[in-house]
Amino acid sequence: MTDVLPAHFLPAAQCRFSYVEKSSPHSSHLQWLTYGVYELAGPVCAAPIVHAEEELLLFCWEGAPRVHLCGGEYALERYDVLYVPRGQSYRIECREGSARLIACRALAQTSHPPYHAVWQQVSHDERRIRHLKGKDVFLMFDVSEPADKLIAGYTIFEPFQRSYPPHNHTDQEEIYIFTEGHGAMEVYADEERKSFVHSVQRGDAVTIPILNYHPVFSQEEPLHFIWCIAGARYWVGDKNKDFMTGKVAELTT
């Protein structure tokens, strides 16, 4: 007699794997960037996912997920970043506990190699760190890594700091995703008409369309956020040294 496999009962409230899309060009004023969050409760291994026309950055926010990509397996830890090429399928696995991955993707024409940026390495590599007054910027996926539109990193503010000088971009759009702490953020095209002034806390995100200034303010604890850019591939302080010195009141790149 052939063995008969048992059934599984799946309670309505049970959710081992989910994706929530937070923002896309259809729901925001961004041209390229889509942002969402994967949540996993292990043990679970999701079905393959593919973005036919987009490149993707996965940011490990919580837990220790694994990503199966291009025949390899990438074990991610907190703040690691994985680049997924355009048109390549990937599977996300969580073997125990829970995990969260932040996903930012953008339209691309070319499929570039995967790239795994390890936070424990980058956070100690001075070639990848830009020190500003009261804050550090960590270049997790920089221009040295091939991609069509995406670059990204983390910024960590000390308490009671602000972005200075305020800056905007003629050829980049951006999203900030806050991963630790709380503070405030302004986004505006005109200093005299600040229509967007918000408190921000862990899990909040802010989209930044082209030509908007976007200063951040920390409060009584360190403030961490992801910055993910789509468009021309440069970090503002590497292109314009006035940003590093703070000798101007504002600047445009």
C-alpha atoms as a PDB file:
ATOM      1  CA  MET A   1       0.000   0.000   0.000  1.00  0.00           C
ATOM      2  CA  THR A   2       1.359   3.429  -0.916  1.00  0.00           C
ATOM      3  CA  ASP A   3       2.145   5.658   2.072  1.00  0.00           C
ATOM      4  CA  VAL A   4      -0.324   8.510   2.406  1.00  0.00           C
ATOM      5  CA  LEU A   5       1.142  11.791   3.607  1.00  0.00           C
ATOM      6  CA  PRO A   6      -0.616  13.618   6.442  1.00  0.00           C
ATOM      7  CA  ALA A   7      -2.454  16.918   6.052  1.00  0.00           C
ATOM      8  CA  HIS A   8      -1.546  20.194   7.725  1.00  0.00           C
ATOM      9  CA  PHE A   9      -3.932  22.472   9.565  1.00  0.00           C
ATOM     10  CA  LEU A  10      -3.241  26.153   8.899  1.00  0.00           C
ATOM     11  CA  PRO A  11      -4.959  28.459  11.407  1.00  0.00           C
ATOM     12  CA  ALA A  12      -6.299  31.694   9.970  1.00  0.00           C
ATOM     13  CA  ALA A  13      -4.032  33.738  12.245  1.00  0.00           C
ATOM     14  CA  GLN A  14      -0.851  31.862  11.350  1.00  0.00           C
ATOM     15  CA  CYS A  15       1.596  33.712   9.120  1.00  0.00           C
ATOM     16  CA  ARG A  16       5.060  32.315   8.551  1.00  0.00           C
ATOM     17  CA  PHE A  17       6.007  34.524   5.600  1.00  0.00           C
ATOM     18  CA  SER A  18       4.648  37.871   4.443  1.00  0.00           C
ATOM     19  CA  TYR A  19       5.616  40.857   2.350  1.00  0.00           C
ATOM     20  CA  VAL A  20       4.100  44.281   2.912  1.00  0.00           C
ATOM     21  CA  GLU A  21       4.739  46.883   0.244  1.00  0.00           C
ATOM     22  CA  LYS A  22       5.052  50.326   1.814  1.00  0.00           C
ATOM     23  CA  SER A  23       5.760  52.581  -1.168  1.00  0.00           C
ATOM     24  CA  SER A  24       6.161  52.382  -4.936  1.00  0.00           C
ATOM     25  CA  PRO A  25       6.172  54.776  -7.908  1.00  0.00           C
ATOM     26  CA  HIS A  26       2.422  54.119  -8.152  1.00  0.00           C
ATOM     27  CA  SER A  27       1.788  55.352  -4.602  1.00  0.00           C
ATOM     28  CA  SER A  28       4.436  58.060  -4.163  1.00  0.00           C
ATOM     29  CA  HIS A  29       6.181  60.819  -6.088  1.00  0.00           C
ATOM     30  CA  LEU A  30       9.260  58.662  -6.683  1.00  0.00           C
ATOM     31  CA  GLN A  31      10.141  57.562 -10.209  1.00  0.00           C
ATOM     32  CA  TRP A  32      12.020  54.289  -9.564  1.00  0.00           C
ATOM     33  CA  LEU A  33      12.100  53.164  -5.936  1.00  0.00           C
ATOM     34  CA  THR A  34       9.811  50.574  -4.365  1.00  0.00           C
ATOM     35  CA  TYR A  35      10.101  49.795  -0.652  1.00  0.00           C
ATOM     36  CA  GLY A  36       8.647  46.953   1.396  1.00  0.00           C
ATOM     37  CA  VAL A  37       9.286  44.625   4.335  1.00  0.00           C
ATOM     38  CA  TYR A  38       9.546  40.817   4.472  1.00  0.00           C
ATOM     39  CA  GLU A  39       8.593  39.176   7.771  1.00  0.00           C
ATOM     40  CA  LEU A  40       9.345  35.520   8.562  1.00  0.00           C
ATOM     41  CA  ALA A  41       8.490  33.246  11.486  1.00  0.00           C
ATOM     42  CA  GLY A  42      10.599  30.114  11.252  1.00  0.00           C
ATOM     43  CA  PRO A  43      10.957  27.469  10.298  1.00  0.00           C
ATOM     44  CA  VAL A  44       9.980  28.609   6.803  1.00  0.00           C
ATOM     45  CA  CYS A  45      11.511  28.735   3.318  1.00  0.00           C
ATOM     46  CA  ALA A  46       9.542  30.880   0.885  1.00  0.00           C
ATOM     47  CA  ALA A  47       8.897  30.051  -2.750  1.00  0.00           C
ATOM     48  CA  PRO A  48      11.219  31.670  -5.316  1.00  0.00           C
ATOM     49  CA  ILE A  49      10.697  35.384  -5.949  1.00  0.00           C
ATOM     50  CA  VAL A  50      11.847  37.244  -9.052  1.00  0.00           C
ATOM     51  CA  HIS A  51      11.689  40.890 -10.132  1.00  0.00           C
ATOM     52  CA  ALA A  52      11.907  40.704 -13.902  1.00  0.00           C
ATOM     53  CA  GLU A  53      12.874  44.337 -14.527  1.00  0.00           C
ATOM     54  CA  GLU A  54      14.279  45.490 -11.177  1.00  0.00           C
ATOM     55  CA  GLU A  55      17.449  45.220  -9.113  1.00  0.00           C
ATOM     56  CA  LEU A  56      17.013  44.784  -5.372  1.00  0.00           C
ATOM     57  CA  LEU A  57      18.757  45.513  -2.078  1.00  0.00           C
ATOM     58  CA  LEU A  58      17.809  43.431   0.971  1.00  0.00           C
ATOM     59  CA  PHE A  59      18.684  44.915   4.381  1.00  0.00           C
ATOM     60  CA  CYS A  60      18.694  42.518   7.335  1.00  0.00           C
ATOM     61  CA  TRP A  61      16.831  44.363  10.083  1.00  0.00           C
ATOM     62  CA  GLU A  62      16.161  41.560  12.552  1.00  0.00           C
ATOM     63  CA  GLY A  63      17.003  37.888  12.955  1.00  0.00           C
ATOM     64  CA  ALA A  64      19.291  35.653  10.912  1.00  0.00           C
ATOM     65  CA  PRO A  65      17.598  34.877   7.591  1.00  0.00           C
ATOM     66  CA  ARG A  66      19.250  33.074   4.706  1.00  0.00           C
ATOM     67  CA  VAL A  67      18.848  34.004   1.074  1.00  0.00           C
ATOM     68  CA  HIS A  68      19.315  31.465  -1.720  1.00  0.00           C
ATOM     69  CA  LEU A  69      20.489  33.315  -4.834  1.00  0.00           C
ATOM     70  CA  CYS A  70      22.315  32.361  -8.045  1.00  0.00           C
ATOM     71  CA  GLY A  71      23.272  28.929  -6.705  1.00  0.00           C
ATOM     72  CA  GLY A  72      24.663  30.315  -3.433  1.00  0.00           C
ATOM     73  CA  GLU A  73      23.372  30.686   0.106  1.00  0.00           C
ATOM     74  CA  TYR A  74      23.878  33.958   1.978  1.00  0.00           C
ATOM     75  CA  ALA A  75      23.578  33.909   5.767  1.00  0.00           C
ATOM     76  CA  LEU A  76      22.573  37.422   6.810  1.00  0.00           C
ATOM     77  CA  GLU A  77      23.012  39.059  10.177  1.00  0.00           C
ATOM     78  CA  ARG A  78      21.813  42.395  11.549  1.00  0.00           C
ATOM     79  CA  TYR A  79      22.456  45.284   9.133  1.00  0.00           C
ATOM     80  CA  ASP A  80      23.979  43.081   6.418  1.00  0.00           C
ATOM     81  CA  VAL A  81      22.966  44.085   2.873  1.00  0.00           C
ATOM     82  CA  LEU A  82      22.509  41.786  -0.134  1.00  0.00           C
ATOM     83  CA  TYR A  83      22.267  42.969  -3.750  1.00  0.00           C
ATOM     84  CA  VAL A  84      19.974  40.829  -5.921  1.00  0.00           C
ATOM     85  CA  PRO A  85      20.487  41.250  -9.690  1.00  0.00           C
ATOM     86  CA  ARG A  86      17.716  42.131 -12.097  1.00  0.00           C
ATOM     87  CA  GLY A  87      15.732  39.085 -13.197  1.00  0.00           C
ATOM     88  CA  GLN A  88      17.381  36.620 -10.752  1.00  0.00           C
ATOM     89  CA  SER A  89      15.127  34.508  -8.548  1.00  0.00           C
ATOM     90  CA  TYR A  90      15.801  34.270  -4.817  1.00  0.00           C
ATOM     91  CA  ARG A  91      14.325  32.407  -1.855  1.00  0.00           C
ATOM     92  CA  ILE A  92      14.292  33.674   1.731  1.00  0.00           C
ATOM     93  CA  GLU A  93      14.604  31.166   4.572  1.00  0.00           C
ATOM     94  CA  CYS A  94      14.297  31.493   8.338  1.00  0.00           C
ATOM     95  CA  ARG A  95      15.296  28.300  10.177  1.00  0.00           C
ATOM     96  CA  GLU A  96      14.286  29.393  13.660  1.00  0.00           C
ATOM     97  CA  GLY A  97      12.955  32.422  15.481  1.00  0.00           C
ATOM     98  CA  SER A  98      11.806  35.379  13.421  1.00  0.00           C
ATOM     99  CA  ALA A  99      13.396  37.723  10.884  1.00  0.00           C
ATOM    100  CA  ARG A 100      12.705  40.974   9.090  1.00  0.00           C
ATOM    101  CA  LEU A 101      14.219  42.117   5.802  1.00  0.00           C
ATOM    102  CA  ILE A 102      13.785  45.574   4.316  1.00  0.00           C
ATOM    103  CA  ALA A 103      13.593  45.492   0.510  1.00  0.00           C
ATOM    104  CA  CYS A 104      14.341  48.417  -1.830  1.00  0.00           C
ATOM    105  CA  ARG A 105      14.224  47.871  -5.550  1.00  0.00           C
ATOM    106  CA  ALA A 106      14.483  49.978  -8.717  1.00  0.00           C
ATOM    107  CA  LEU A 107      14.133  49.538 -12.459  1.00  0.00           C
ATOM    108  CA  ALA A 108      17.320  48.308 -14.133  1.00  0.00           C
ATOM    109  CA  GLN A 109      18.455  47.358 -17.622  1.00  0.00           C
ATOM    110  CA  THR A 110      21.436  45.141 -16.754  1.00  0.00           C
ATOM    111  CA  SER A 111      21.908  42.110 -14.503  1.00  0.00           C
ATOM    112  CA  HIS A 112      24.990  42.604 -12.311  1.00  0.00           C
ATOM    113  CA  PRO A 113      26.603  40.071  -9.925  1.00  0.00           C
ATOM    114  CA  PRO A 114      25.210  39.509  -6.431  1.00  0.00           C
ATOM    115  CA  TYR A 115      27.002  41.332  -3.612  1.00  0.00           C
ATOM    116  CA  HIS A 116      26.908  40.663   0.140  1.00  0.00           C
ATOM    117  CA  ALA A 117      27.969  43.565   2.375  1.00  0.00           C
ATOM    118  CA  VAL A 118      28.698  42.321   5.896  1.00  0.00           C
ATOM    119  CA  TRP A 119      27.987  44.914   8.594  1.00  0.00           C
ATOM    120  CA  GLN A 120      30.605  43.564  10.992  1.00  0.00           C
ATOM    121  CA  GLN A 121      33.247  44.182   8.314  1.00  0.00           C
ATOM    122  CA  VAL A 122      31.998  47.467   6.834  1.00  0.00           C
ATOM    123  CA  SER A 123      31.446  49.056  10.256  1.00  0.00           C
ATOM    124  CA  HIS A 124      35.206  48.681  10.967  1.00  0.00           C
ATOM    125  CA  ASP A 125      36.515  49.557   7.489  1.00  0.00           C
ATOM    126  CA  GLU A 126      37.552  53.230   7.392  1.00  0.00           C
ATOM    127  CA  ARG A 127      37.471  53.172   3.589  1.00  0.00           C
ATOM    128  CA  ARG A 128      33.706  52.675   3.878  1.00  0.00           C
ATOM    129  CA  ILE A 129      32.993  55.175   6.657  1.00  0.00           C
ATOM    130  CA  ARG A 130      32.486  58.920   6.409  1.00  0.00           C
ATOM    131  CA  HIS A 131      32.780  60.752   9.729  1.00  0.00           C
ATOM    132  CA  LEU A 132      30.721  63.927  10.066  1.00  0.00           C
ATOM    133  CA  LYS A 133      30.158  66.058  13.132  1.00  0.00           C
ATOM    134  CA  GLY A 134      28.000  63.993  15.472  1.00  0.00           C
ATOM    135  CA  LYS A 135      27.253  61.254  12.965  1.00  0.00           C
ATOM    136  CA  ASP A 136      28.828  58.476  10.886  1.00  0.00           C
ATOM    137  CA  VAL A 137      27.858  57.302   7.406  1.00  0.00           C
ATOM    138  CA  PHE A 138      28.518  53.674   6.394  1.00  0.00           C
ATOM    139  CA  LEU A 139      28.675  52.987   2.636  1.00  0.00           C
ATOM    140  CA  MET A 140      27.220  49.483   2.433  1.00  0.00           C
ATOM    141  CA  PHE A 141      26.565  49.376  -1.327  1.00  0.00           C
ATOM    142  CA  ASP A 142      28.708  51.988  -3.012  1.00  0.00           C
ATOM    143  CA  VAL A 143      29.765  53.009  -6.518  1.00  0.00           C
ATOM    144  CA  SER A 144      32.532  50.408  -6.379  1.00  0.00           C
ATOM    145  CA  GLU A 145      29.820  47.731  -6.616  1.00  0.00           C
ATOM    146  CA  PRO A 146      28.241  47.458 -10.081  1.00  0.00           C
ATOM    147  CA  ALA A 147      24.537  48.316 -10.361  1.00  0.00           C
ATOM    148  CA  ASP A 148      22.284  50.393 -12.586  1.00  0.00           C
ATOM    149  CA  LYS A 149      20.683  52.841 -10.139  1.00  0.00           C
ATOM    150  CA  LEU A 150      21.004  51.741  -6.507  1.00  0.00           C
ATOM    151  CA  ILE A 151      23.436  52.747  -3.788  1.00  0.00           C
ATOM    152  CA  ALA A 152      22.758  52.541  -0.061  1.00  0.00           C
ATOM    153  CA  GLY A 153      24.112  52.662   3.445  1.00  0.00           C
ATOM    154  CA  TYR A 154      23.393  53.467   7.068  1.00  0.00           C
ATOM    155  CA  THR A 155      23.736  56.723   8.965  1.00  0.00           C
ATOM    156  CA  ILE A 156      24.023  56.735  12.753  1.00  0.00           C
ATOM    157  CA  PHE A 157      23.417  60.007  14.586  1.00  0.00           C
ATOM    158  CA  GLU A 158      24.649  60.701  18.082  1.00  0.00           C
ATOM    159  CA  PRO A 159      21.996  62.257  20.396  1.00  0.00           C
ATOM    160  CA  PHE A 160      20.852  65.833  19.677  1.00  0.00           C
ATOM    161  CA  GLN A 161      22.354  66.172  16.204  1.00  0.00           C
ATOM    162  CA  ARG A 162      21.015  67.407  12.874  1.00  0.00           C
ATOM    163  CA  SER A 163      21.867  67.010   9.196  1.00  0.00           C
ATOM    164  CA  TYR A 164      24.050  69.908   8.109  1.00  0.00           C
ATOM    165  CA  PRO A 165      24.241  71.432   5.627  1.00  0.00           C
ATOM    166  CA  PRO A 166      20.790  70.664   4.204  1.00  0.00           C
ATOM    167  CA  HIS A 167      21.155  69.326   0.668  1.00  0.00           C
ATOM    168  CA  ASN A 168      19.092  68.190  -2.273  1.00  0.00           C
ATOM    169  CA  HIS A 169      19.728  66.295  -5.509  1.00  0.00           C
ATOM    170  CA  THR A 170      19.017  67.046  -9.158  1.00  0.00           C
ATOM    171  CA  ASP A 171      19.529  63.432 -10.268  1.00  0.00           C
ATOM    172  CA  GLN A 172      18.755  61.180  -7.294  1.00  0.00           C
ATOM    173  CA  GLU A 173      15.638  60.175  -5.413  1.00  0.00           C
ATOM    174  CA  GLU A 174      15.911  58.639  -2.001  1.00  0.00           C
ATOM    175  CA  ILE A 175      14.163  56.894   0.861  1.00  0.00           C
ATOM    176  CA  TYR A 176      15.116  56.988   4.539  1.00  0.00           C
ATOM    177  CA  ILE A 177      14.046  54.016   6.690  1.00  0.00           C
ATOM    178  CA  PHE A 178      14.520  54.412  10.444  1.00  0.00           C
ATOM    179  CA  THR A 179      15.743  51.270  12.196  1.00  0.00           C
ATOM    180  CA  GLU A 180      16.603  52.458  15.737  1.00  0.00           C
ATOM    181  CA  GLY A 181      15.804  55.466  17.937  1.00  0.00           C
ATOM    182  CA  HIS A 182      13.500  58.377  17.334  1.00  0.00           C
ATOM    183  CA  GLY A 183      13.831  61.930  16.049  1.00  0.00           C
ATOM    184  CA  ALA A 184      12.365  64.210  13.398  1.00  0.00           C
ATOM    185  CA  MET A 185      12.678  64.876   9.679  1.00  0.00           C
ATOM    186  CA  GLU A 186      11.834  67.713   7.308  1.00  0.00           C
ATOM    187  CA  VAL A 187      11.413  67.430   3.539  1.00  0.00           C
ATOM    188  CA  TYR A 188      10.930  70.624   1.562  1.00  0.00           C
ATOM    189  CA  ALA A 189      11.705  72.364  -1.713  1.00  0.00           C
ATOM    190  CA  ASP A 190      11.536  75.855  -0.206  1.00  0.00           C
ATOM    191  CA  GLU A 191      12.944  76.865   3.199  1.00  0.00           C
ATOM    192  CA  GLU A 192       9.997  79.218   3.768  1.00  0.00           C
ATOM    193  CA  ARG A 193       7.340  76.571   3.022  1.00  0.00           C
ATOM    194  CA  LYS A 194       8.093  73.447   5.029  1.00  0.00           C
ATOM    195  CA  SER A 195       4.994  71.413   4.339  1.00  0.00           C
ATOM    196  CA  PHE A 196       6.551  68.149   5.630  1.00  0.00           C
ATOM    197  CA  VAL A 197       7.786  68.123   9.245  1.00  0.00           C
ATOM    198  CA  HIS A 198       7.354  64.796  11.028  1.00  0.00           C
ATOM    199  CA  SER A 199       8.468  62.955  14.125  1.00  0.00           C
ATOM    200  CA  VAL A 200      10.081  59.642  13.151  1.00  0.00           C
ATOM    201  CA  GLN A 201      10.655  56.447  15.090  1.00  0.00           C
ATOM    202  CA  ARG A 202      11.724  52.851  14.570  1.00  0.00           C
ATOM    203  CA  GLY A 203      10.015  51.403  11.490  1.00  0.00           C
ATOM    204  CA  ASP A 204       9.010  54.730   9.931  1.00  0.00           C
ATOM    205  CA  ALA A 205      10.191  55.676   6.440  1.00  0.00           C
ATOM    206  CA  VAL A 206      10.214  58.879   4.398  1.00  0.00           C
ATOM    207  CA  THR A 207      10.360  59.214   0.608  1.00  0.00           C
ATOM    208  CA  ILE A 208      12.451  62.054  -0.835  1.00  0.00           C
ATOM    209  CA  PRO A 209      11.624  63.046  -4.432  1.00  0.00           C
ATOM    210  CA  ILE A 210      14.237  64.826  -6.536  1.00  0.00           C
ATOM    211  CA  LEU A 211      15.097  68.440  -5.533  1.00  0.00           C
ATOM    212  CA  ASN A 212      13.776  68.173  -1.960  1.00  0.00           C
ATOM    213  CA  TYR A 213      15.976  69.125   0.985  1.00  0.00           C
ATOM    214  CA  HIS A 214      15.785  66.468   3.695  1.00  0.00           C
ATOM    215  CA  PRO A 215      17.410  67.228   7.078  1.00  0.00           C
ATOM    216  CA  VAL A 216      17.137  64.765   9.971  1.00  0.00           C
ATOM    217  CA  PHE A 217      17.253  65.543  13.705  1.00  0.00           C
ATOM    218  CA  SER A 218      18.062  63.087  16.499  1.00  0.00           C
ATOM    219  CA  GLN A 219      16.809  63.421  20.061  1.00  0.00           C
ATOM    220  CA  GLU A 220      18.038  61.981  23.369  1.00  0.00           C
ATOM    221  CA  GLU A 221      19.244  58.638  21.952  1.00  0.00           C
ATOM    222  CA  PRO A 222      21.209  57.529  18.874  1.00  0.00           C
ATOM    223  CA  LEU A 223      19.179  57.491  15.667  1.00  0.00           C
ATOM    224  CA  HIS A 224      19.876  54.904  12.945  1.00  0.00           C
ATOM    225  CA  PHE A 225      18.490  54.979   9.424  1.00  0.00           C
ATOM    226  CA  ILE A 226      18.944  53.354   6.042  1.00  0.00           C
ATOM    227  CA  TRP A 227      19.381  55.698   3.111  1.00  0.00           C
ATOM    228  CA  CYS A 228      18.711  54.108  -0.264  1.00  0.00           C
ATOM    229  CA  ILE A 229      19.232  56.096  -3.457  1.00  0.00           C
ATOM    230  CA  ALA A 230      18.058  55.467  -7.015  1.00  0.00           C
ATOM    231  CA  GLY A 231      19.440  57.508  -9.889  1.00  0.00           C
ATOM    232  CA  ALA A 232      22.965  58.804 -10.451  1.00  0.00           C
ATOM    233  CA  ARG A 233      25.352  56.729  -8.330  1.00  0.00           C
ATOM    234  CA  TYR A 234      27.286  58.872  -5.837  1.00  0.00           C
ATOM    235  CA  TRP A 235      27.173  59.768  -2.168  1.00  0.00           C
ATOM    236  CA  VAL A 236      26.763  63.511  -1.604  1.00  0.00           C
ATOM    237  CA  GLY A 237      29.851  63.938   0.615  1.00  0.00           C
ATOM    238  CA  ASP A 238      32.102  62.187  -1.902  1.00  0.00           C
ATOM    239  CA  LYS A 239      30.871  64.390  -4.751  1.00  0.00           C
ATOM    240  CA  ASN A 240      30.770  67.714  -2.895  1.00  0.00           C
ATOM    241  CA  LYS A 241      33.381  68.267  -0.166  1.00  0.00           C
ATOM    242  CA  ASP A 242      31.431  71.263   1.188  1.00  0.00           C
ATOM    243  CA  PHE A 243      29.039  68.716   2.647  1.00  0.00           C
ATOM    244  CA  MET A 244      31.874  67.240   4.718  1.00  0.00           C
ATOM    245  CA  THR A 245      33.199  70.589   5.948  1.00  0.00           C
ATOM    246  CA  GLY A 246      29.822  72.202   6.624  1.00  0.00           C
ATOM    247  CA  LYS A 247      31.065  75.528   5.282  1.00  0.00           C
ATOM    248  CA  VAL A 248      27.888  76.302   3.322  1.00  0.00           C
ATOM    249  CA  ALA A 249      24.302  76.871   4.497  1.00  0.00           C
ATOM    250  CA  GLU A 250      22.856  74.449   1.917  1.00  0.00           C
ATOM    251  CA  LEU A 251      23.958  72.725  -1.269  1.00  0.00           C
ATOM    252  CA  THR A 252      22.620  71.036  -4.396  1.00  0.00           C
ATOM    253  CA  THR A 253      24.220  68.061  -6.129  1.00  0.00           C
END
